[in-house]
Amino acid sequence: MLVLVAALLLLGVVLGAVAHLPLPAALAAAAVIGLWLAVFGVRERLARRTR
């Protein structure tokens, strides 16, 4: 339960920080994070197939 509270607190801090960024900067950061997550997911899937 404590982990959930900490995660929600961190989410609130991050969303608060993003609210003060200009929209193009926030969208660029979101695109970079999304690309990073997609690459990570593909690498994990390929690693599981080779085992």
PDB file of N, CA and C in Angstrom:
ATOM      1  N   MET A   1       0.826  -1.197   0.000  1.00  0.00           N
ATOM      2  CA  MET A   1       0.000   0.000   0.000  1.00  0.00           C
ATOM      3  C   MET A   1       0.869   1.260   0.000  1.00  0.00           C
ATOM      4  N   LEU A   2       1.960   1.194   0.730  1.00  0.00           N
ATOM      5  CA  LEU A   2       2.861   2.342   0.781  1.00  0.00           C
ATOM      6  C   LEU A   2       3.478   2.616  -0.588  1.00  0.00           C
ATOM      7  N   VAL A   3       3.746   1.542  -1.340  1.00  0.00           N
ATOM      8  CA  VAL A   3       4.306   1.713  -2.683  1.00  0.00           C
ATOM      9  C   VAL A   3       3.293   2.402  -3.589  1.00  0.00           C
ATOM     10  N   LEU A   4       2.029   2.061  -3.457  1.00  0.00           N
ATOM     11  CA  LEU A   4       0.986   2.697  -4.259  1.00  0.00           C
ATOM     12  C   LEU A   4       0.882   4.179  -3.938  1.00  0.00           C
ATOM     13  N   VAL A   5       0.927   4.523  -2.680  1.00  0.00           N
ATOM     14  CA  VAL A   5       0.863   5.933  -2.275  1.00  0.00           C
ATOM     15  C   VAL A   5       2.069   6.690  -2.813  1.00  0.00           C
ATOM     16  N   ALA A   6       3.254   6.089  -2.730  1.00  0.00           N
ATOM     17  CA  ALA A   6       4.461   6.734  -3.247  1.00  0.00           C
ATOM     18  C   ALA A   6       4.378   6.914  -4.761  1.00  0.00           C
ATOM     19  N   ALA A   7       3.852   5.921  -5.464  1.00  0.00           N
ATOM     20  CA  ALA A   7       3.721   6.020  -6.919  1.00  0.00           C
ATOM     21  C   ALA A   7       2.735   7.117  -7.303  1.00  0.00           C
ATOM     22  N   LEU A   8       1.631   7.210  -6.604  1.00  0.00           N
ATOM     23  CA  LEU A   8       0.658   8.264  -6.893  1.00  0.00           C
ATOM     24  C   LEU A   8       1.215   9.651  -6.571  1.00  0.00           C
ATOM     25  N   LEU A   9       1.991   9.751  -5.502  1.00  0.00           N
ATOM     26  CA  LEU A   9       2.615  11.025  -5.165  1.00  0.00           C
ATOM     27  C   LEU A   9       3.605  11.445  -6.239  1.00  0.00           C
ATOM     28  N   LEU A  10       4.411  10.494  -6.709  1.00  0.00           N
ATOM     29  CA  LEU A  10       5.365  10.783  -7.765  1.00  0.00           C
ATOM     30  C   LEU A  10       4.650  11.172  -9.061  1.00  0.00           C
ATOM     31  N   LEU A  11       3.560  10.483  -9.376  1.00  0.00           N
ATOM     32  CA  LEU A  11       2.783  10.823 -10.567  1.00  0.00           C
ATOM     33  C   LEU A  11       2.242  12.245 -10.472  1.00  0.00           C
ATOM     34  N   GLY A  12       1.763  12.624  -9.312  1.00  0.00           N
ATOM     35  CA  GLY A  12       1.259  13.978  -9.116  1.00  0.00           C
ATOM     36  C   GLY A  12       2.338  15.028  -9.286  1.00  0.00           C
ATOM     37  N   VAL A  13       3.526  14.746  -8.789  1.00  0.00           N
ATOM     38  CA  VAL A  13       4.633  15.697  -8.935  1.00  0.00           C
ATOM     39  C   VAL A  13       5.020  15.835 -10.402  1.00  0.00           C
ATOM     40  N   VAL A  14       5.104  14.713 -11.109  1.00  0.00           N
ATOM     41  CA  VAL A  14       5.496  14.754 -12.522  1.00  0.00           C
ATOM     42  C   VAL A  14       4.442  15.483 -13.352  1.00  0.00           C
ATOM     43  N   LEU A  15       3.177  15.188 -13.117  1.00  0.00           N
ATOM     44  CA  LEU A  15       2.121  15.861 -13.878  1.00  0.00           C
ATOM     45  C   LEU A  15       2.071  17.348 -13.562  1.00  0.00           C
ATOM     46  N   GLY A  16       2.360  17.709 -12.333  1.00  0.00           N
ATOM     47  CA  GLY A  16       2.410  19.123 -11.975  1.00  0.00           C
ATOM     48  C   GLY A  16       3.529  19.848 -12.691  1.00  0.00           C
ATOM     49  N   ALA A  17       4.671  19.167 -12.828  1.00  0.00           N
ATOM     50  CA  ALA A  17       5.797  19.771 -13.533  1.00  0.00           C
ATOM     51  C   ALA A  17       5.493  19.906 -15.026  1.00  0.00           C
ATOM     52  N   VAL A  18       4.853  18.909 -15.591  1.00  0.00           N
ATOM     53  CA  VAL A  18       4.528  18.954 -17.026  1.00  0.00           C
ATOM     54  C   VAL A  18       3.493  20.042 -17.317  1.00  0.00           C
ATOM     55  N   ALA A  19       2.646  20.327 -16.364  1.00  0.00           N
ATOM     56  CA  ALA A  19       1.618  21.353 -16.576  1.00  0.00           C
ATOM     57  C   ALA A  19       2.229  22.737 -16.786  1.00  0.00           C
ATOM     58  N   HIS A  20       3.454  22.941 -16.317  1.00  0.00           N
ATOM     59  CA  HIS A  20       4.098  24.251 -16.454  1.00  0.00           C
ATOM     60  C   HIS A  20       4.980  24.339 -17.689  1.00  0.00           C
ATOM     61  N   LEU A  21       5.131  23.249 -18.415  1.00  0.00           N
ATOM     62  CA  LEU A  21       5.920  23.266 -19.645  1.00  0.00           C
ATOM     63  C   LEU A  21       5.049  23.732 -20.807  1.00  0.00           C
ATOM     64  N   PRO A  22       5.657  24.341 -21.809  1.00  0.00           N
ATOM     65  CA  PRO A  22       4.897  24.633 -23.030  1.00  0.00           C
ATOM     66  C   PRO A  22       4.456  23.326 -23.699  1.00  0.00           C
ATOM     67  N   LEU A  23       3.357  23.380 -24.401  1.00  0.00           N
ATOM     68  CA  LEU A  23       2.799  22.174 -25.018  1.00  0.00           C
ATOM     69  C   LEU A  23       3.776  21.472 -25.963  1.00  0.00           C
ATOM     70  N   PRO A  24       4.485  22.170 -26.849  1.00  0.00           N
ATOM     71  CA  PRO A  24       5.420  21.448 -27.723  1.00  0.00           C
ATOM     72  C   PRO A  24       6.530  20.722 -26.953  1.00  0.00           C
ATOM     73  N   ALA A  25       7.009  21.313 -25.876  1.00  0.00           N
ATOM     74  CA  ALA A  25       8.056  20.661 -25.077  1.00  0.00           C
ATOM     75  C   ALA A  25       7.496  19.420 -24.384  1.00  0.00           C
ATOM     76  N   ALA A  26       6.274  19.509 -23.876  1.00  0.00           N
ATOM     77  CA  ALA A  26       5.656  18.363 -23.213  1.00  0.00           C
ATOM     78  C   ALA A  26       5.407  17.235 -24.216  1.00  0.00           C
ATOM     79  N   LEU A  27       4.959  17.581 -25.412  1.00  0.00           N
ATOM     80  CA  LEU A  27       4.722  16.557 -26.429  1.00  0.00           C
ATOM     81  C   LEU A  27       6.027  15.926 -26.899  1.00  0.00           C
ATOM     82  N   ALA A  28       7.079  16.716 -27.011  1.00  0.00           N
ATOM     83  CA  ALA A  28       8.377  16.167 -27.400  1.00  0.00           C
ATOM     84  C   ALA A  28       8.892  15.212 -26.328  1.00  0.00           C
ATOM     85  N   ALA A  29       8.764  15.591 -25.079  1.00  0.00           N
ATOM     86  CA  ALA A  29       9.206  14.716 -23.993  1.00  0.00           C
ATOM     87  C   ALA A  29       8.379  13.430 -23.970  1.00  0.00           C
ATOM     88  N   ALA A  30       7.085  13.542 -24.198  1.00  0.00           N
ATOM     89  CA  ALA A  30       6.224  12.356 -24.231  1.00  0.00           C
ATOM     90  C   ALA A  30       6.607  11.436 -25.389  1.00  0.00           C
ATOM     91  N   ALA A  31       6.955  12.016 -26.533  1.00  0.00           N
ATOM     92  CA  ALA A  31       7.363  11.203 -27.679  1.00  0.00           C
ATOM     93  C   ALA A  31       8.677  10.473 -27.397  1.00  0.00           C
ATOM     94  N   VAL A  32       9.612  11.152 -26.763  1.00  0.00           N
ATOM     95  CA  VAL A  32      10.899  10.517 -26.433  1.00  0.00           C
ATOM     96  C   VAL A  32      10.681   9.376 -25.447  1.00  0.00           C
ATOM     97  N   ILE A  33       9.868   9.589 -24.432  1.00  0.00           N
ATOM     98  CA  ILE A  33       9.602   8.547 -23.445  1.00  0.00           C
ATOM     99  C   ILE A  33       8.864   7.376 -24.097  1.00  0.00           C
ATOM    100  N   GLY A  34       7.902   7.666 -24.953  1.00  0.00           N
ATOM    101  CA  GLY A  34       7.173   6.605 -25.652  1.00  0.00           C
ATOM    102  C   GLY A  34       8.081   5.790 -26.548  1.00  0.00           C
ATOM    103  N   LEU A  35       8.983   6.451 -27.248  1.00  0.00           N
ATOM    104  CA  LEU A  35       9.934   5.742 -28.104  1.00  0.00           C
ATOM    105  C   LEU A  35      10.852   4.862 -27.265  1.00  0.00           C
ATOM    106  N   TRP A  36      11.313   5.389 -26.146  1.00  0.00           N
ATOM    107  CA  TRP A  36      12.180   4.617 -25.259  1.00  0.00           C
ATOM    108  C   TRP A  36      11.449   3.374 -24.742  1.00  0.00           C
ATOM    109  N   LEU A  37      10.188   3.520 -24.353  1.00  0.00           N
ATOM    110  CA  LEU A  37       9.415   2.374 -23.874  1.00  0.00           C
ATOM    111  C   LEU A  37       9.169   1.353 -24.984  1.00  0.00           C
ATOM    112  N   ALA A  38       8.938   1.819 -26.201  1.00  0.00           N
ATOM    113  CA  ALA A  38       8.727   0.903 -27.319  1.00  0.00           C
ATOM    114  C   ALA A  38       9.995   0.106 -27.617  1.00  0.00           C
ATOM    115  N   VAL A  39      11.136   0.778 -27.625  1.00  0.00           N
ATOM    116  CA  VAL A  39      12.403   0.085 -27.865  1.00  0.00           C
ATOM    117  C   VAL A  39      12.669  -0.921 -26.754  1.00  0.00           C
ATOM    118  N   PHE A  40      12.413  -0.538 -25.511  1.00  0.00           N
ATOM    119  CA  PHE A  40      12.602  -1.444 -24.387  1.00  0.00           C
ATOM    120  C   PHE A  40      11.698  -2.677 -24.525  1.00  0.00           C
ATOM    121  N   GLY A  41      10.445  -2.461 -24.912  1.00  0.00           N
ATOM    122  CA  GLY A  41       9.518  -3.578 -25.079  1.00  0.00           C
ATOM    123  C   GLY A  41       9.940  -4.532 -26.173  1.00  0.00           C
ATOM    124  N   VAL A  42      10.402  -3.999 -27.287  1.00  0.00           N
ATOM    125  CA  VAL A  42      10.855  -4.853 -28.396  1.00  0.00           C
ATOM    126  C   VAL A  42      12.089  -5.641 -27.975  1.00  0.00           C
ATOM    127  N   ARG A  43      13.014  -4.990 -27.282  1.00  0.00           N
ATOM    128  CA  ARG A  43      14.225  -5.702 -26.826  1.00  0.00           C
ATOM    129  C   ARG A  43      13.871  -6.808 -25.847  1.00  0.00           C
ATOM    130  N   GLU A  44      12.944  -6.559 -24.955  1.00  0.00           N
ATOM    131  CA  GLU A  44      12.540  -7.584 -23.997  1.00  0.00           C
ATOM    132  C   GLU A  44      11.860  -8.765 -24.694  1.00  0.00           C
ATOM    133  N   ARG A  45      11.016  -8.470 -25.670  1.00  0.00           N
ATOM    134  CA  ARG A  45      10.327  -9.538 -26.390  1.00  0.00           C
ATOM    135  C   ARG A  45      11.324 -10.395 -27.170  1.00  0.00           C
ATOM    136  N   LEU A  46      12.286  -9.740 -27.807  1.00  0.00           N
ATOM    137  CA  LEU A  46      13.305 -10.492 -28.542  1.00  0.00           C
ATOM    138  C   LEU A  46      14.174 -11.304 -27.595  1.00  0.00           C
ATOM    139  N   ALA A  47      14.468 -10.782 -26.439  1.00  0.00           N
ATOM    140  CA  ALA A  47      15.286 -11.516 -25.470  1.00  0.00           C
ATOM    141  C   ALA A  47      14.545 -12.730 -24.949  1.00  0.00           C
ATOM    142  N   ARG A  48      13.239 -12.644 -24.772  1.00  0.00           N
ATOM    143  CA  ARG A  48      12.472 -13.792 -24.292  1.00  0.00           C
ATOM    144  C   ARG A  48      12.340 -14.881 -25.362  1.00  0.00           C
ATOM    145  N   ARG A  49      12.324 -14.480 -26.617  1.00  0.00           N
ATOM    146  CA  ARG A  49      12.204 -15.471 -27.703  1.00  0.00           C
ATOM    147  C   ARG A  49      13.477 -16.287 -27.856  1.00  0.00           C
ATOM    148  N   THR A  50      14.626 -15.674 -27.602  1.00  0.00           N
ATOM    149  CA  THR A  50      15.890 -16.388 -27.815  1.00  0.00           C
ATOM    150  C   THR A  50      16.215 -17.342 -26.685  1.00  0.00           C
ATOM    151  N   ARG A  51      15.570 -17.214 -25.538  1.00  0.00           N
ATOM    152  CA  ARG A  51      15.840 -18.111 -24.414  1.00  0.00           C
ATOM    153  C   ARG A  51      15.139 -19.413 -24.568  1.00  0.00           C
TER     154      ARG A  51
END
